[in-house]
Amino acid sequence: LKLIKPVLETNKLSLFVPTEGHEETVRQELALIEQIRGLSSKDNFEIQIISDKNLFPDYEEAQPVKILTNKEKFDLFHEKNPLVNKLVDILSLKLDAE
């Protein structure tokens, strides 16, 4: 909800967000939307949610997280602590085949 730019007109509140995902998040806040609508004395008060990335020049979309394979996880563990190999040998562990 931090990435919202509200614009209030006579009978309309426009909420600008950077992406359609944010738009959907705001739409799910029904209690908040109804509370805002209740603050207006006008019966025909309209609330619209609009996604417009141009209004948020500093916004960067989150990059998808790469899911690591068991081998990649093991290599990272080994990189941080080389004694992991010793533990694997002591416990006679094997990496799952992928």
C-alpha atoms as a PDB file:
ATOM      1  CA  LEU A   1       0.000   0.000   0.000  1.00  0.00           C
ATOM      2  CA  LYS A   2       3.044   2.278   0.059  1.00  0.00           C
ATOM      3  CA  LEU A   3       3.069   2.554  -3.730  1.00  0.00           C
ATOM      4  CA  ILE A   4      -0.227   4.399  -4.122  1.00  0.00           C
ATOM      5  CA  LYS A   5      -0.662   7.913  -5.484  1.00  0.00           C
ATOM      6  CA  PRO A   6      -4.174   9.130  -4.645  1.00  0.00           C
ATOM      7  CA  VAL A   7      -5.906  11.881  -6.638  1.00  0.00           C
ATOM      8  CA  LEU A   8      -9.130  13.278  -5.144  1.00  0.00           C
ATOM      9  CA  GLU A   9     -11.695  14.949  -7.376  1.00  0.00           C
ATOM     10  CA  THR A  10     -15.229  16.092  -6.519  1.00  0.00           C
ATOM     11  CA  ASN A  11     -17.000  12.731  -6.743  1.00  0.00           C
ATOM     12  CA  LYS A  12     -14.073  10.464  -7.464  1.00  0.00           C
ATOM     13  CA  LEU A  13     -10.952   9.119  -5.786  1.00  0.00           C
ATOM     14  CA  SER A  14      -8.371   7.738  -8.209  1.00  0.00           C
ATOM     15  CA  LEU A  15      -5.690   5.480  -6.757  1.00  0.00           C
ATOM     16  CA  PHE A  16      -2.679   5.087  -9.044  1.00  0.00           C
ATOM     17  CA  VAL A  17      -0.400   2.063  -8.595  1.00  0.00           C
ATOM     18  CA  PRO A  18       2.619   0.866 -10.644  1.00  0.00           C
ATOM     19  CA  THR A  19       1.419  -2.600 -11.744  1.00  0.00           C
ATOM     20  CA  GLU A  20      -1.699  -4.702 -12.176  1.00  0.00           C
ATOM     21  CA  GLY A  21      -0.472  -6.868  -9.292  1.00  0.00           C
ATOM     22  CA  HIS A  22      -0.565  -3.855  -6.986  1.00  0.00           C
ATOM     23  CA  GLU A  23      -3.961  -2.959  -8.423  1.00  0.00           C
ATOM     24  CA  GLU A  24      -5.292  -6.384  -7.420  1.00  0.00           C
ATOM     25  CA  THR A  25      -3.782  -6.035  -3.928  1.00  0.00           C
ATOM     26  CA  VAL A  26      -5.597  -2.727  -3.411  1.00  0.00           C
ATOM     27  CA  ARG A  27      -8.868  -4.209  -4.728  1.00  0.00           C
ATOM     28  CA  GLN A  28      -8.621  -6.924  -2.060  1.00  0.00           C
ATOM     29  CA  GLU A  29      -8.664  -4.266   0.674  1.00  0.00           C
ATOM     30  CA  LEU A  30     -12.477  -4.116   0.573  1.00  0.00           C
ATOM     31  CA  ALA A  31     -12.855  -2.957   4.187  1.00  0.00           C
ATOM     32  CA  LEU A  32     -10.519  -0.029   3.558  1.00  0.00           C
ATOM     33  CA  ILE A  33     -12.266   0.904   0.313  1.00  0.00           C
ATOM     34  CA  GLU A  34     -15.692   0.814   1.976  1.00  0.00           C
ATOM     35  CA  GLN A  35     -14.400   2.897   4.892  1.00  0.00           C
ATOM     36  CA  ILE A  36     -13.083   5.521   2.439  1.00  0.00           C
ATOM     37  CA  ARG A  37     -16.404   5.468   0.579  1.00  0.00           C
ATOM     38  CA  GLY A  38     -18.232   5.915   3.909  1.00  0.00           C
ATOM     39  CA  LEU A  39     -16.237   9.074   4.692  1.00  0.00           C
ATOM     40  CA  SER A  40     -17.760  10.776   1.666  1.00  0.00           C
ATOM     41  CA  SER A  41     -21.088  12.523   2.079  1.00  0.00           C
ATOM     42  CA  LYS A  42     -21.874  11.967  -1.597  1.00  0.00           C
ATOM     43  CA  ASP A  43     -23.937   8.944  -2.640  1.00  0.00           C
ATOM     44  CA  ASN A  44     -22.318   8.666  -6.058  1.00  0.00           C
ATOM     45  CA  PHE A  45     -18.714   8.758  -4.788  1.00  0.00           C
ATOM     46  CA  GLU A  46     -16.541   6.615  -7.055  1.00  0.00           C
ATOM     47  CA  ILE A  47     -13.238   4.918  -6.268  1.00  0.00           C
ATOM     48  CA  GLN A  48     -11.122   3.740  -9.171  1.00  0.00           C
ATOM     49  CA  ILE A  49      -7.790   1.934  -9.121  1.00  0.00           C
ATOM     50  CA  ILE A  50      -5.505   2.495 -12.100  1.00  0.00           C
ATOM     51  CA  SER A  51      -2.134   0.924 -12.864  1.00  0.00           C
ATOM     52  CA  ASP A  52       0.290   3.342 -14.531  1.00  0.00           C
ATOM     53  CA  LYS A  53       3.995   2.529 -14.321  1.00  0.00           C
ATOM     54  CA  ASN A  54       4.896   5.943 -15.813  1.00  0.00           C
ATOM     55  CA  LEU A  55       3.891   7.631 -12.546  1.00  0.00           C
ATOM     56  CA  PHE A  56       6.466   5.540 -10.658  1.00  0.00           C
ATOM     57  CA  PRO A  57       9.802   6.091 -12.451  1.00  0.00           C
ATOM     58  CA  ASP A  58      11.853   4.677  -9.540  1.00  0.00           C
ATOM     59  CA  TYR A  59       9.814   1.476  -9.292  1.00  0.00           C
ATOM     60  CA  GLU A  60      11.689  -1.728 -10.108  1.00  0.00           C
ATOM     61  CA  GLU A  61       9.874  -5.030 -10.398  1.00  0.00           C
ATOM     62  CA  ALA A  62      11.165  -7.812  -8.183  1.00  0.00           C
ATOM     63  CA  GLN A  63      13.174 -10.411 -10.042  1.00  0.00           C
ATOM     64  CA  PRO A  64      11.965 -14.006  -9.722  1.00  0.00           C
ATOM     65  CA  VAL A  65      13.949 -16.099  -7.271  1.00  0.00           C
ATOM     66  CA  LYS A  66      15.911 -18.954  -8.842  1.00  0.00           C
ATOM     67  CA  ILE A  67      15.120 -22.328  -7.299  1.00  0.00           C
ATOM     68  CA  LEU A  68      18.350 -24.139  -6.548  1.00  0.00           C
ATOM     69  CA  THR A  69      18.935 -27.815  -7.228  1.00  0.00           C
ATOM     70  CA  ASN A  70      20.215 -30.048  -4.429  1.00  0.00           C
ATOM     71  CA  LYS A  71      23.673 -29.986  -6.036  1.00  0.00           C
ATOM     72  CA  GLU A  72      23.686 -26.173  -6.117  1.00  0.00           C
ATOM     73  CA  LYS A  73      22.578 -26.022  -2.472  1.00  0.00           C
ATOM     74  CA  PHE A  74      25.320 -28.450  -1.488  1.00  0.00           C
ATOM     75  CA  ASP A  75      27.924 -26.438  -3.401  1.00  0.00           C
ATOM     76  CA  LEU A  76      26.842 -23.282  -1.552  1.00  0.00           C
ATOM     77  CA  PHE A  77      27.064 -25.071   1.813  1.00  0.00           C
ATOM     78  CA  HIS A  78      30.492 -26.389   0.871  1.00  0.00           C
ATOM     79  CA  GLU A  79      31.599 -22.907  -0.195  1.00  0.00           C
ATOM     80  CA  LYS A  80      30.609 -21.474   3.200  1.00  0.00           C
ATOM     81  CA  ASN A  81      31.928 -24.398   5.222  1.00  0.00           C
ATOM     82  CA  PRO A  82      34.282 -26.912   3.598  1.00  0.00           C
ATOM     83  CA  LEU A  83      33.761 -29.288   6.549  1.00  0.00           C
ATOM     84  CA  VAL A  84      30.387 -30.193   5.051  1.00  0.00           C
ATOM     85  CA  ASN A  85      32.231 -32.781   2.938  1.00  0.00           C
ATOM     86  CA  LYS A  86      33.546 -34.406   6.096  1.00  0.00           C
ATOM     87  CA  LEU A  87      30.017 -34.561   7.533  1.00  0.00           C
ATOM     88  CA  VAL A  88      28.744 -36.133   4.308  1.00  0.00           C
ATOM     89  CA  ASP A  89      31.488 -38.769   4.506  1.00  0.00           C
ATOM     90  CA  ILE A  90      30.878 -39.522   8.211  1.00  0.00           C
ATOM     91  CA  LEU A  91      27.138 -39.964   7.674  1.00  0.00           C
ATOM     92  CA  SER A  92      27.577 -41.742   4.323  1.00  0.00           C
ATOM     93  CA  LEU A  93      25.228 -39.300   2.617  1.00  0.00           C
ATOM     94  CA  LYS A  94      24.615 -39.044  -1.118  1.00  0.00           C
ATOM     95  CA  LEU A  95      23.051 -36.270  -3.145  1.00  0.00           C
ATOM     96  CA  ASP A  96      19.681 -37.082  -4.674  1.00  0.00           C
ATOM     97  CA  ALA A  97      19.813 -37.671  -8.409  1.00  0.00           C
ATOM     98  CA  GLU A  98      18.026 -34.980 -10.373  1.00  0.00           C
END
